[in-house]
Amino acid sequence: MAERPHKGRARFVREAPDVRRQALIDATARCLAEKGVGATSVRAICARAGVSAGLLTHYFDGVDALILATYRDVGEKVAAAMEQAVADAGPDPHDRLWAYLRANFMPPVLDPNLLATWISFWSLVKTSPEIAATHAETYGGSRERLEVLLREAAPQMPRPAARVAAIALTAMVDGLWLELCLDSSTFSTEEALAMVHEAMTYIVNKPRDGSIDQ
């Protein structure tokens, strides 16, 4: 007969390695948002995660590697939220395009804490080749996805035009997103959405006779 646990005895449950690794990544994101890169140390991260410094070095080759993993993790979560919005929009190409753009102004993407984390990552782009490569991959993938959605919504749009349009819409969305996170008193989320929707509608419906935008 199996031994029955004594009353009051706490059961020890060992967390899976991926859970402990994710806890370190989540703690790093919070430290970057609250303290910035300069104060995001092994000690600060481990204190926030409630683990020993030895656990961090077990999973990562130092703080730089952990920050890189955190950048990738945050980027993947944002991309997943955007894709979920597209999936929820249904089969209509215009609805899918609008859902992708609109998701930038909805939780969890529109978040001042996320802005603080991004700023920490951006500050490393010029000094860390690994961060720069991840930045290029993250933003490049986002623009390419937007380009695909644009061409699905406007099949008459040549590929070069879709590329330029994706860059323009991305820049517009990023600028409005940044200002809303910094100071939402200038304009509302609804006004930002109206501006982006107007730009999207113009781009999708822009007449093309085949002699331009080639």
N, C-alpha and C. Protein backbone atom coordinates (compact mmCIF):
# COMPACT_ATOMS: atom_id res chain seq x y z
N MET A 1 0.85 -1.19 0.00
CA MET A 1 0.00 0.00 0.00
C MET A 1 0.88 1.24 0.00
N ALA A 2 0.54 2.15 -0.86
CA ALA A 2 1.35 3.35 -0.96
C ALA A 2 1.21 4.18 0.30
N GLU A 3 2.31 4.82 0.70
CA GLU A 3 2.30 5.66 1.89
C GLU A 3 1.43 6.88 1.67
N ARG A 4 0.56 7.14 2.58
CA ARG A 4 -0.28 8.33 2.50
C ARG A 4 0.50 9.52 3.03
N PRO A 5 0.45 10.63 2.34
CA PRO A 5 1.21 11.79 2.80
C PRO A 5 0.71 12.26 4.15
N HIS A 6 1.67 12.60 5.05
CA HIS A 6 1.29 13.11 6.36
C HIS A 6 0.60 14.44 6.21
N LYS A 7 -0.36 14.67 7.08
CA LYS A 7 -1.09 15.93 7.06
C LYS A 7 -0.13 17.07 7.30
N GLY A 8 -0.22 18.09 6.46
CA GLY A 8 0.62 19.26 6.62
C GLY A 8 1.94 19.17 5.90
N ARG A 9 2.27 18.01 5.35
CA ARG A 9 3.53 17.88 4.63
C ARG A 9 3.39 18.48 3.24
N ALA A 10 4.25 19.41 2.89
CA ALA A 10 4.19 20.05 1.58
C ALA A 10 4.79 19.13 0.54
N ARG A 11 4.12 18.99 -0.55
CA ARG A 11 4.65 18.18 -1.64
C ARG A 11 5.65 18.99 -2.45
N PHE A 12 6.75 18.36 -2.79
CA PHE A 12 7.76 19.03 -3.61
C PHE A 12 7.48 18.70 -5.08
N VAL A 13 7.28 19.73 -5.88
CA VAL A 13 7.02 19.54 -7.30
C VAL A 13 8.13 20.22 -8.08
N ARG A 14 8.88 19.44 -8.82
CA ARG A 14 9.99 20.00 -9.60
C ARG A 14 9.45 20.60 -10.89
N GLU A 15 9.79 21.87 -11.10
CA GLU A 15 9.32 22.53 -12.31
C GLU A 15 10.08 22.01 -13.52
N ALA A 16 9.41 21.93 -14.64
CA ALA A 16 10.05 21.50 -15.87
C ALA A 16 11.08 22.53 -16.30
N PRO A 17 12.16 22.08 -16.98
CA PRO A 17 13.20 23.02 -17.40
C PRO A 17 12.68 24.18 -18.23
N ASP A 18 11.72 23.93 -19.13
CA ASP A 18 11.22 25.02 -19.96
C ASP A 18 10.45 26.04 -19.14
N VAL A 19 9.84 25.60 -18.03
CA VAL A 19 9.14 26.54 -17.15
C VAL A 19 10.14 27.44 -16.46
N ARG A 20 11.24 26.88 -15.97
CA ARG A 20 12.26 27.67 -15.29
C ARG A 20 12.93 28.63 -16.28
N ARG A 21 13.18 28.15 -17.48
CA ARG A 21 13.79 29.01 -18.50
C ARG A 21 12.87 30.18 -18.84
N GLN A 22 11.57 29.89 -18.99
CA GLN A 22 10.61 30.94 -19.32
C GLN A 22 10.49 31.94 -18.17
N ALA A 23 10.60 31.46 -16.94
CA ALA A 23 10.54 32.36 -15.79
C ALA A 23 11.67 33.38 -15.83
N LEU A 24 12.85 32.93 -16.24
CA LEU A 24 13.98 33.84 -16.37
C LEU A 24 13.75 34.86 -17.48
N ILE A 25 13.19 34.41 -18.58
CA ILE A 25 12.89 35.32 -19.70
C ILE A 25 11.85 36.35 -19.28
N ASP A 26 10.81 35.91 -18.60
CA ASP A 26 9.76 36.83 -18.15
C ASP A 26 10.32 37.85 -17.16
N ALA A 27 11.19 37.38 -16.26
CA ALA A 27 11.80 38.28 -15.29
C ALA A 27 12.70 39.30 -15.97
N THR A 28 13.39 38.87 -17.02
CA THR A 28 14.26 39.79 -17.76
C THR A 28 13.44 40.87 -18.45
N ALA A 29 12.32 40.49 -19.04
CA ALA A 29 11.46 41.47 -19.69
C ALA A 29 10.97 42.51 -18.69
N ARG A 30 10.61 42.07 -17.50
CA ARG A 30 10.13 43.00 -16.48
C ARG A 30 11.25 43.91 -16.00
N CYS A 31 12.44 43.35 -15.83
CA CYS A 31 13.58 44.17 -15.40
C CYS A 31 13.93 45.22 -16.45
N LEU A 32 13.92 44.83 -17.71
CA LEU A 32 14.22 45.77 -18.78
C LEU A 32 13.20 46.90 -18.80
N ALA A 33 11.93 46.56 -18.60
CA ALA A 33 10.87 47.57 -18.61
C ALA A 33 11.00 48.52 -17.44
N GLU A 34 11.38 48.00 -16.28
CA GLU A 34 11.41 48.81 -15.06
C GLU A 34 12.75 49.50 -14.82
N LYS A 35 13.86 48.85 -15.20
CA LYS A 35 15.17 49.33 -14.83
C LYS A 35 16.04 49.78 -16.00
N GLY A 36 15.70 49.31 -17.22
CA GLY A 36 16.55 49.59 -18.35
C GLY A 36 17.70 48.60 -18.46
N VAL A 37 18.45 48.69 -19.55
CA VAL A 37 19.52 47.73 -19.79
C VAL A 37 20.61 47.81 -18.73
N GLY A 38 20.98 49.03 -18.33
CA GLY A 38 22.09 49.21 -17.42
C GLY A 38 21.91 48.53 -16.08
N ALA A 39 20.69 48.46 -15.61
CA ALA A 39 20.42 47.88 -14.29
C ALA A 39 19.89 46.46 -14.36
N THR A 40 19.83 45.90 -15.56
CA THR A 40 19.36 44.53 -15.71
C THR A 40 20.56 43.59 -15.60
N SER A 41 20.82 43.17 -14.38
CA SER A 41 21.97 42.32 -14.07
C SER A 41 21.52 40.92 -13.70
N VAL A 42 22.50 40.03 -13.55
CA VAL A 42 22.19 38.67 -13.10
C VAL A 42 21.46 38.71 -11.77
N ARG A 43 21.94 39.54 -10.87
CA ARG A 43 21.34 39.64 -9.55
C ARG A 43 19.90 40.14 -9.62
N ALA A 44 19.68 41.18 -10.42
CA ALA A 44 18.33 41.76 -10.53
C ALA A 44 17.35 40.76 -11.15
N ILE A 45 17.80 40.08 -12.19
CA ILE A 45 16.93 39.11 -12.87
C ILE A 45 16.58 37.96 -11.95
N CYS A 46 17.59 37.42 -11.28
CA CYS A 46 17.36 36.26 -10.41
C CYS A 46 16.49 36.64 -9.22
N ALA A 47 16.69 37.85 -8.69
CA ALA A 47 15.85 38.29 -7.58
C ALA A 47 14.40 38.40 -8.04
N ARG A 48 14.20 38.91 -9.24
CA ARG A 48 12.83 39.04 -9.76
C ARG A 48 12.21 37.68 -10.05
N ALA A 49 13.02 36.75 -10.52
CA ALA A 49 12.51 35.41 -10.84
C ALA A 49 12.43 34.52 -9.61
N GLY A 50 13.11 34.92 -8.52
CA GLY A 50 13.12 34.09 -7.32
C GLY A 50 13.95 32.84 -7.47
N VAL A 51 15.08 32.95 -8.19
CA VAL A 51 15.95 31.80 -8.41
C VAL A 51 17.39 32.20 -8.09
N SER A 52 18.27 31.22 -8.08
CA SER A 52 19.68 31.48 -7.82
C SER A 52 20.40 31.87 -9.10
N ALA A 53 21.54 32.53 -8.94
CA ALA A 53 22.34 32.91 -10.10
C ALA A 53 22.82 31.69 -10.86
N GLY A 54 23.01 30.61 -10.17
CA GLY A 54 23.46 29.39 -10.82
C GLY A 54 22.46 28.86 -11.82
N LEU A 55 21.17 29.08 -11.56
CA LEU A 55 20.16 28.61 -12.49
C LEU A 55 20.22 29.40 -13.80
N LEU A 56 20.48 30.70 -13.68
CA LEU A 56 20.58 31.52 -14.89
C LEU A 56 21.73 31.04 -15.78
N THR A 57 22.89 30.83 -15.17
CA THR A 57 24.04 30.40 -15.96
C THR A 57 23.89 28.97 -16.46
N HIS A 58 22.98 28.21 -15.84
CA HIS A 58 22.71 26.86 -16.32
C HIS A 58 21.98 26.89 -17.67
N TYR A 59 21.09 27.88 -17.85
CA TYR A 59 20.29 27.96 -19.06
C TYR A 59 20.85 28.93 -20.09
N PHE A 60 21.61 29.93 -19.65
CA PHE A 60 22.08 30.98 -20.56
C PHE A 60 23.54 31.30 -20.30
N ASP A 61 24.22 31.70 -21.37
CA ASP A 61 25.63 32.08 -21.25
C ASP A 61 25.74 33.55 -20.87
N GLY A 62 25.14 33.90 -19.75
CA GLY A 62 25.22 35.27 -19.26
C GLY A 62 24.01 36.11 -19.60
N VAL A 63 24.06 37.37 -19.15
CA VAL A 63 22.93 38.29 -19.31
C VAL A 63 22.67 38.61 -20.77
N ASP A 64 23.72 38.78 -21.56
CA ASP A 64 23.54 39.15 -22.97
C ASP A 64 22.73 38.08 -23.71
N ALA A 65 23.05 36.83 -23.46
CA ALA A 65 22.31 35.74 -24.11
C ALA A 65 20.87 35.70 -23.63
N LEU A 66 20.65 36.01 -22.37
CA LEU A 66 19.29 36.01 -21.83
C LEU A 66 18.48 37.18 -22.41
N ILE A 67 19.09 38.34 -22.56
CA ILE A 67 18.39 39.47 -23.16
C ILE A 67 18.04 39.16 -24.62
N LEU A 68 18.94 38.51 -25.33
CA LEU A 68 18.66 38.12 -26.70
C LEU A 68 17.47 37.16 -26.76
N ALA A 69 17.46 36.18 -25.88
CA ALA A 69 16.35 35.23 -25.84
C ALA A 69 15.05 35.93 -25.48
N THR A 70 15.14 36.94 -24.64
CA THR A 70 13.95 37.70 -24.24
C THR A 70 13.42 38.50 -25.42
N TYR A 71 14.32 39.11 -26.19
CA TYR A 71 13.89 39.85 -27.38
C TYR A 71 13.13 38.93 -28.32
N ARG A 72 13.68 37.76 -28.55
CA ARG A 72 13.01 36.80 -29.45
C ARG A 72 11.66 36.37 -28.89
N ASP A 73 11.61 36.15 -27.59
CA ASP A 73 10.38 35.72 -26.96
C ASP A 73 9.30 36.80 -27.06
N VAL A 74 9.66 38.04 -26.78
CA VAL A 74 8.70 39.14 -26.86
C VAL A 74 8.22 39.30 -28.30
N GLY A 75 9.15 39.23 -29.25
CA GLY A 75 8.77 39.35 -30.66
C GLY A 75 7.83 38.25 -31.09
N GLU A 76 8.07 37.03 -30.62
CA GLU A 76 7.21 35.90 -30.97
C GLU A 76 5.81 36.07 -30.37
N LYS A 77 5.73 36.60 -29.16
CA LYS A 77 4.43 36.81 -28.54
C LYS A 77 3.62 37.88 -29.27
N VAL A 78 4.29 38.94 -29.69
CA VAL A 78 3.61 39.98 -30.45
C VAL A 78 3.13 39.41 -31.78
N ALA A 79 4.00 38.68 -32.47
CA ALA A 79 3.62 38.08 -33.75
C ALA A 79 2.45 37.12 -33.59
N ALA A 80 2.44 36.36 -32.50
CA ALA A 80 1.36 35.42 -32.26
C ALA A 80 0.04 36.15 -32.04
N ALA A 81 0.08 37.28 -31.34
CA ALA A 81 -1.14 38.06 -31.11
C ALA A 81 -1.67 38.62 -32.42
N MET A 82 -0.76 39.04 -33.29
CA MET A 82 -1.16 39.58 -34.59
C MET A 82 -1.79 38.48 -35.45
N GLU A 83 -1.17 37.32 -35.45
CA GLU A 83 -1.69 36.21 -36.25
C GLU A 83 -3.03 35.72 -35.73
N GLN A 84 -3.21 35.75 -34.43
CA GLN A 84 -4.48 35.35 -33.87
C GLN A 84 -5.58 36.31 -34.30
N ALA A 85 -5.25 37.60 -34.36
CA ALA A 85 -6.22 38.58 -34.83
C ALA A 85 -6.61 38.32 -36.27
N VAL A 86 -5.65 37.97 -37.10
CA VAL A 86 -5.93 37.65 -38.51
C VAL A 86 -6.81 36.41 -38.61
N ALA A 87 -6.49 35.39 -37.84
CA ALA A 87 -7.26 34.15 -37.87
C ALA A 87 -8.70 34.39 -37.42
N ASP A 88 -8.87 35.24 -36.43
CA ASP A 88 -10.21 35.53 -35.91
C ASP A 88 -11.03 36.38 -36.88
N ALA A 89 -10.37 37.03 -37.83
CA ALA A 89 -11.07 37.93 -38.74
C ALA A 89 -11.86 37.20 -39.81
N GLY A 90 -11.55 35.93 -40.02
CA GLY A 90 -12.28 35.18 -41.04
C GLY A 90 -11.58 35.19 -42.38
N PRO A 91 -12.26 34.78 -43.45
CA PRO A 91 -11.61 34.58 -44.75
C PRO A 91 -11.49 35.83 -45.62
N ASP A 92 -12.24 36.87 -45.33
CA ASP A 92 -12.22 38.05 -46.21
C ASP A 92 -10.85 38.75 -46.14
N PRO A 93 -10.17 38.94 -47.28
CA PRO A 93 -8.83 39.53 -47.29
C PRO A 93 -8.77 40.93 -46.69
N HIS A 94 -9.81 41.76 -46.94
CA HIS A 94 -9.81 43.10 -46.38
C HIS A 94 -9.93 43.05 -44.86
N ASP A 95 -10.77 42.16 -44.35
CA ASP A 95 -10.92 42.02 -42.91
C ASP A 95 -9.63 41.52 -42.27
N ARG A 96 -8.95 40.63 -42.94
CA ARG A 96 -7.70 40.08 -42.41
C ARG A 96 -6.60 41.15 -42.35
N LEU A 97 -6.53 41.94 -43.40
CA LEU A 97 -5.55 43.03 -43.43
C LEU A 97 -5.83 44.03 -42.32
N TRP A 98 -7.09 44.43 -42.18
CA TRP A 98 -7.45 45.39 -41.16
C TRP A 98 -7.21 44.82 -39.76
N ALA A 99 -7.50 43.55 -39.56
CA ALA A 99 -7.28 42.92 -38.25
C ALA A 99 -5.80 42.96 -37.88
N TYR A 100 -4.93 42.75 -38.86
CA TYR A 100 -3.49 42.76 -38.60
C TYR A 100 -3.04 44.15 -38.16
N LEU A 101 -3.51 45.18 -38.85
CA LEU A 101 -3.15 46.54 -38.50
C LEU A 101 -3.78 46.96 -37.18
N ARG A 102 -5.03 46.62 -37.01
CA ARG A 102 -5.77 47.02 -35.81
C ARG A 102 -5.18 46.39 -34.55
N ALA A 103 -4.63 45.19 -34.66
CA ALA A 103 -4.10 44.49 -33.49
C ALA A 103 -2.96 45.26 -32.82
N ASN A 104 -2.30 46.14 -33.58
CA ASN A 104 -1.23 46.94 -33.00
C ASN A 104 -1.73 47.89 -31.91
N PHE A 105 -3.01 48.19 -31.94
CA PHE A 105 -3.58 49.16 -31.02
C PHE A 105 -4.50 48.52 -29.99
N MET A 106 -4.33 47.22 -29.79
CA MET A 106 -5.11 46.47 -28.83
C MET A 106 -4.16 45.70 -27.91
N PRO A 107 -4.59 45.42 -26.67
CA PRO A 107 -3.78 44.55 -25.82
C PRO A 107 -3.64 43.18 -26.47
N PRO A 108 -2.52 42.50 -26.31
CA PRO A 108 -1.38 42.87 -25.46
C PRO A 108 -0.32 43.70 -26.18
N VAL A 109 -0.55 44.08 -27.44
CA VAL A 109 0.48 44.82 -28.19
C VAL A 109 0.57 46.26 -27.73
N LEU A 110 -0.56 46.92 -27.55
CA LEU A 110 -0.55 48.30 -27.06
C LEU A 110 -0.41 48.29 -25.55
N ASP A 111 0.83 48.50 -25.08
CA ASP A 111 1.12 48.37 -23.66
C ASP A 111 2.35 49.23 -23.34
N PRO A 112 2.23 50.24 -22.47
CA PRO A 112 3.39 51.07 -22.12
C PRO A 112 4.56 50.26 -21.59
N ASN A 113 4.28 49.16 -20.87
CA ASN A 113 5.37 48.32 -20.37
C ASN A 113 6.11 47.64 -21.52
N LEU A 114 5.37 47.28 -22.55
CA LEU A 114 6.01 46.68 -23.72
C LEU A 114 6.91 47.70 -24.40
N LEU A 115 6.46 48.96 -24.45
CA LEU A 115 7.29 50.01 -25.03
C LEU A 115 8.61 50.12 -24.29
N ALA A 116 8.57 50.11 -22.96
CA ALA A 116 9.79 50.23 -22.18
C ALA A 116 10.75 49.08 -22.47
N THR A 117 10.19 47.90 -22.66
CA THR A 117 11.02 46.74 -23.00
C THR A 117 11.63 46.90 -24.38
N TRP A 118 10.82 47.34 -25.36
CA TRP A 118 11.33 47.55 -26.71
C TRP A 118 12.45 48.58 -26.71
N ILE A 119 12.29 49.66 -25.95
CA ILE A 119 13.32 50.70 -25.92
C ILE A 119 14.65 50.12 -25.45
N SER A 120 14.59 49.24 -24.49
CA SER A 120 15.83 48.59 -24.03
C SER A 120 16.46 47.77 -25.14
N PHE A 121 15.64 47.04 -25.88
CA PHE A 121 16.17 46.26 -27.00
C PHE A 121 16.76 47.19 -28.06
N TRP A 122 16.01 48.23 -28.43
CA TRP A 122 16.47 49.15 -29.48
C TRP A 122 17.81 49.79 -29.13
N SER A 123 18.01 50.04 -27.83
CA SER A 123 19.26 50.69 -27.40
C SER A 123 20.47 49.81 -27.66
N LEU A 124 20.25 48.52 -27.88
CA LEU A 124 21.35 47.58 -28.09
C LEU A 124 21.59 47.25 -29.56
N VAL A 125 20.71 47.73 -30.43
CA VAL A 125 20.79 47.36 -31.85
C VAL A 125 22.13 47.77 -32.46
N LYS A 126 22.63 48.95 -32.09
CA LYS A 126 23.87 49.45 -32.69
C LYS A 126 25.13 48.85 -32.09
N THR A 127 25.01 48.20 -30.94
CA THR A 127 26.20 47.67 -30.26
C THR A 127 26.25 46.15 -30.21
N SER A 128 25.14 45.50 -30.47
CA SER A 128 25.10 44.04 -30.40
C SER A 128 24.70 43.47 -31.75
N PRO A 129 25.60 42.80 -32.45
CA PRO A 129 25.25 42.20 -33.74
C PRO A 129 24.11 41.19 -33.61
N GLU A 130 24.06 40.45 -32.50
CA GLU A 130 23.00 39.46 -32.31
C GLU A 130 21.63 40.14 -32.17
N ILE A 131 21.59 41.22 -31.38
CA ILE A 131 20.34 41.96 -31.23
C ILE A 131 19.94 42.60 -32.55
N ALA A 132 20.93 43.15 -33.28
CA ALA A 132 20.65 43.77 -34.57
C ALA A 132 20.06 42.76 -35.55
N ALA A 133 20.60 41.55 -35.55
CA ALA A 133 20.09 40.51 -36.44
C ALA A 133 18.67 40.10 -36.06
N THR A 134 18.42 40.01 -34.75
CA THR A 134 17.08 39.66 -34.29
C THR A 134 16.09 40.77 -34.61
N HIS A 135 16.54 42.00 -34.46
CA HIS A 135 15.70 43.16 -34.82
C HIS A 135 15.33 43.11 -36.30
N ALA A 136 16.31 42.88 -37.14
CA ALA A 136 16.05 42.82 -38.58
C ALA A 136 15.10 41.68 -38.92
N GLU A 137 15.28 40.56 -38.26
CA GLU A 137 14.41 39.40 -38.50
C GLU A 137 12.98 39.68 -38.04
N THR A 138 12.85 40.29 -36.86
CA THR A 138 11.53 40.57 -36.30
C THR A 138 10.75 41.56 -37.15
N TYR A 139 11.38 42.68 -37.46
CA TYR A 139 10.69 43.71 -38.23
C TYR A 139 10.55 43.32 -39.69
N GLY A 140 11.55 42.63 -40.21
CA GLY A 140 11.45 42.15 -41.58
C GLY A 140 10.31 41.18 -41.75
N GLY A 141 10.15 40.27 -40.80
CA GLY A 141 9.06 39.32 -40.87
C GLY A 141 7.70 39.99 -40.78
N SER A 142 7.59 41.00 -39.93
CA SER A 142 6.33 41.73 -39.79
C SER A 142 5.96 42.46 -41.07
N ARG A 143 6.93 43.11 -41.68
CA ARG A 143 6.66 43.84 -42.93
C ARG A 143 6.31 42.88 -44.06
N GLU A 144 7.01 41.76 -44.13
CA GLU A 144 6.71 40.77 -45.17
C GLU A 144 5.30 40.20 -45.00
N ARG A 145 4.90 39.98 -43.75
CA ARG A 145 3.54 39.48 -43.51
C ARG A 145 2.51 40.51 -43.94
N LEU A 146 2.77 41.77 -43.65
CA LEU A 146 1.86 42.83 -44.06
C LEU A 146 1.81 42.94 -45.57
N GLU A 147 2.93 42.75 -46.22
CA GLU A 147 2.96 42.79 -47.69
C GLU A 147 2.09 41.69 -48.29
N VAL A 148 2.14 40.51 -47.72
CA VAL A 148 1.31 39.40 -48.19
C VAL A 148 -0.17 39.74 -48.03
N LEU A 149 -0.53 40.26 -46.87
CA LEU A 149 -1.92 40.61 -46.62
C LEU A 149 -2.39 41.73 -47.56
N LEU A 150 -1.52 42.67 -47.87
CA LEU A 150 -1.86 43.73 -48.81
C LEU A 150 -2.14 43.17 -50.20
N ARG A 151 -1.30 42.26 -50.66
CA ARG A 151 -1.48 41.70 -51.99
C ARG A 151 -2.71 40.80 -52.06
N GLU A 152 -3.06 40.19 -50.95
CA GLU A 152 -4.29 39.39 -50.92
C GLU A 152 -5.52 40.30 -50.99
N ALA A 153 -5.44 41.46 -50.33
CA ALA A 153 -6.56 42.40 -50.33
C ALA A 153 -6.64 43.19 -51.62
N ALA A 154 -5.50 43.36 -52.29
CA ALA A 154 -5.45 44.11 -53.55
C ALA A 154 -4.63 43.33 -54.56
N PRO A 155 -5.20 42.30 -55.18
CA PRO A 155 -4.45 41.45 -56.11
C PRO A 155 -3.83 42.22 -57.28
N GLN A 156 -4.41 43.38 -57.60
CA GLN A 156 -3.88 44.17 -58.71
C GLN A 156 -2.59 44.91 -58.33
N MET A 157 -2.23 44.89 -57.06
CA MET A 157 -1.05 45.63 -56.60
C MET A 157 0.23 44.88 -56.94
N PRO A 158 1.12 45.49 -57.73
CA PRO A 158 2.40 44.84 -58.04
C PRO A 158 3.22 44.63 -56.77
N ARG A 159 4.09 43.64 -56.81
CA ARG A 159 4.90 43.33 -55.64
C ARG A 159 5.73 44.51 -55.14
N PRO A 160 6.41 45.26 -56.04
CA PRO A 160 7.19 46.41 -55.54
C PRO A 160 6.32 47.43 -54.82
N ALA A 161 5.10 47.65 -55.34
CA ALA A 161 4.20 48.60 -54.70
C ALA A 161 3.75 48.09 -53.34
N ALA A 162 3.51 46.79 -53.23
CA ALA A 162 3.11 46.21 -51.96
C ALA A 162 4.22 46.33 -50.92
N ARG A 163 5.45 46.18 -51.37
CA ARG A 163 6.59 46.32 -50.46
C ARG A 163 6.66 47.74 -49.91
N VAL A 164 6.55 48.73 -50.78
CA VAL A 164 6.61 50.13 -50.34
C VAL A 164 5.42 50.45 -49.44
N ALA A 165 4.25 49.96 -49.81
CA ALA A 165 3.05 50.21 -49.00
C ALA A 165 3.19 49.59 -47.61
N ALA A 166 3.77 48.40 -47.53
CA ALA A 166 3.98 47.75 -46.24
C ALA A 166 4.93 48.56 -45.37
N ILE A 167 5.98 49.09 -45.99
CA ILE A 167 6.93 49.93 -45.24
C ILE A 167 6.23 51.18 -44.73
N ALA A 168 5.43 51.82 -45.59
CA ALA A 168 4.75 53.06 -45.21
C ALA A 168 3.74 52.81 -44.08
N LEU A 169 2.94 51.76 -44.21
CA LEU A 169 1.96 51.46 -43.17
C LEU A 169 2.63 51.07 -41.85
N THR A 170 3.72 50.32 -41.95
CA THR A 170 4.45 49.94 -40.75
C THR A 170 4.98 51.17 -40.03
N ALA A 171 5.55 52.11 -40.79
CA ALA A 171 6.07 53.34 -40.19
C ALA A 171 4.96 54.15 -39.54
N MET A 172 3.82 54.21 -40.19
CA MET A 172 2.69 54.95 -39.63
C MET A 172 2.19 54.31 -38.34
N VAL A 173 2.01 53.01 -38.39
CA VAL A 173 1.55 52.28 -37.21
C VAL A 173 2.54 52.42 -36.06
N ASP A 174 3.83 52.26 -36.36
CA ASP A 174 4.85 52.36 -35.31
C ASP A 174 4.85 53.75 -34.67
N GLY A 175 4.73 54.78 -35.50
CA GLY A 175 4.73 56.14 -34.96
C GLY A 175 3.53 56.41 -34.07
N LEU A 176 2.35 56.00 -34.51
CA LEU A 176 1.14 56.19 -33.71
C LEU A 176 1.18 55.34 -32.44
N TRP A 177 1.65 54.11 -32.56
CA TRP A 177 1.78 53.22 -31.41
C TRP A 177 2.73 53.82 -30.37
N LEU A 178 3.85 54.34 -30.85
CA LEU A 178 4.84 54.92 -29.95
C LEU A 178 4.26 56.11 -29.19
N GLU A 179 3.58 57.01 -29.90
CA GLU A 179 3.02 58.19 -29.25
C GLU A 179 1.92 57.82 -28.27
N LEU A 180 1.09 56.84 -28.60
CA LEU A 180 0.03 56.41 -27.68
C LEU A 180 0.62 55.82 -26.40
N CYS A 181 1.72 55.08 -26.53
CA CYS A 181 2.35 54.50 -25.35
C CYS A 181 3.03 55.57 -24.49
N LEU A 182 3.59 56.59 -25.15
CA LEU A 182 4.28 57.66 -24.43
C LEU A 182 3.31 58.64 -23.79
N ASP A 183 2.30 59.05 -24.56
CA ASP A 183 1.35 60.07 -24.09
C ASP A 183 0.06 59.96 -24.89
N SER A 184 -0.94 59.36 -24.29
CA SER A 184 -2.20 59.14 -24.99
C SER A 184 -3.11 60.36 -24.97
N SER A 185 -2.62 61.50 -24.46
CA SER A 185 -3.46 62.70 -24.41
C SER A 185 -3.49 63.44 -25.75
N THR A 186 -2.54 63.15 -26.63
CA THR A 186 -2.48 63.84 -27.92
C THR A 186 -3.63 63.42 -28.83
N PHE A 187 -3.87 62.12 -28.89
CA PHE A 187 -4.97 61.57 -29.68
C PHE A 187 -5.38 60.24 -29.07
N SER A 188 -6.57 59.80 -29.41
CA SER A 188 -7.09 58.56 -28.83
C SER A 188 -6.76 57.36 -29.70
N THR A 189 -6.95 56.19 -29.15
CA THR A 189 -6.77 54.96 -29.91
C THR A 189 -7.73 54.93 -31.09
N GLU A 190 -8.95 55.39 -30.87
CA GLU A 190 -9.95 55.42 -31.94
C GLU A 190 -9.50 56.33 -33.09
N GLU A 191 -8.90 57.46 -32.75
CA GLU A 191 -8.39 58.37 -33.79
C GLU A 191 -7.23 57.74 -34.54
N ALA A 192 -6.36 57.05 -33.82
CA ALA A 192 -5.25 56.37 -34.47
C ALA A 192 -5.76 55.31 -35.43
N LEU A 193 -6.74 54.55 -34.99
CA LEU A 193 -7.32 53.51 -35.85
C LEU A 193 -7.96 54.13 -37.09
N ALA A 194 -8.62 55.26 -36.93
CA ALA A 194 -9.25 55.92 -38.08
C ALA A 194 -8.20 56.37 -39.09
N MET A 195 -7.08 56.89 -38.60
CA MET A 195 -6.00 57.33 -39.50
C MET A 195 -5.41 56.15 -40.27
N VAL A 196 -5.16 55.06 -39.55
CA VAL A 196 -4.58 53.88 -40.20
C VAL A 196 -5.57 53.28 -41.19
N HIS A 197 -6.84 53.23 -40.84
CA HIS A 197 -7.84 52.67 -41.74
C HIS A 197 -7.96 53.50 -43.01
N GLU A 198 -7.89 54.81 -42.88
CA GLU A 198 -7.97 55.68 -44.06
C GLU A 198 -6.78 55.43 -44.98
N ALA A 199 -5.59 55.32 -44.39
CA ALA A 199 -4.39 55.05 -45.19
C ALA A 199 -4.48 53.69 -45.86
N MET A 200 -4.93 52.68 -45.12
CA MET A 200 -5.08 51.34 -45.68
C MET A 200 -6.05 51.35 -46.85
N THR A 201 -7.19 52.01 -46.67
CA THR A 201 -8.22 52.05 -47.71
C THR A 201 -7.70 52.72 -48.97
N TYR A 202 -6.96 53.80 -48.79
CA TYR A 202 -6.39 54.50 -49.94
C TYR A 202 -5.41 53.61 -50.70
N ILE A 203 -4.55 52.94 -49.96
CA ILE A 203 -3.55 52.09 -50.59
C ILE A 203 -4.18 50.93 -51.34
N VAL A 204 -5.15 50.29 -50.72
CA VAL A 204 -5.80 49.12 -51.33
C VAL A 204 -6.60 49.52 -52.57
N ASN A 205 -7.26 50.66 -52.51
CA ASN A 205 -8.13 51.08 -53.61
C ASN A 205 -7.47 52.00 -54.62
N LYS A 206 -6.21 52.27 -54.45
CA LYS A 206 -5.50 53.18 -55.36
C LYS A 206 -5.52 52.62 -56.78
N PRO A 207 -5.98 53.42 -57.75
CA PRO A 207 -6.00 52.92 -59.15
C PRO A 207 -4.61 52.61 -59.66
N ARG A 208 -4.50 51.52 -60.36
CA ARG A 208 -3.24 51.11 -60.95
C ARG A 208 -3.49 50.61 -62.36
N ASP A 209 -2.79 51.22 -63.33
CA ASP A 209 -3.03 50.86 -64.73
C ASP A 209 -1.91 50.01 -65.31
N GLY A 210 -1.00 49.62 -64.43
CA GLY A 210 0.11 48.77 -64.90
C GLY A 210 1.34 49.56 -65.35
N SER A 211 1.21 50.88 -65.48
CA SER A 211 2.35 51.68 -65.92
C SER A 211 3.08 52.31 -64.75
N ILE A 212 2.51 52.18 -63.53
CA ILE A 212 3.13 52.76 -62.35
C ILE A 212 3.31 51.67 -61.31
N ASP A 213 4.12 51.96 -60.30
CA ASP A 213 4.34 51.04 -59.18
C ASP A 213 4.89 49.71 -59.62
N GLN A 214 5.57 49.67 -60.75
CA GLN A 214 6.10 48.40 -61.23
C GLN A 214 7.48 48.15 -60.63
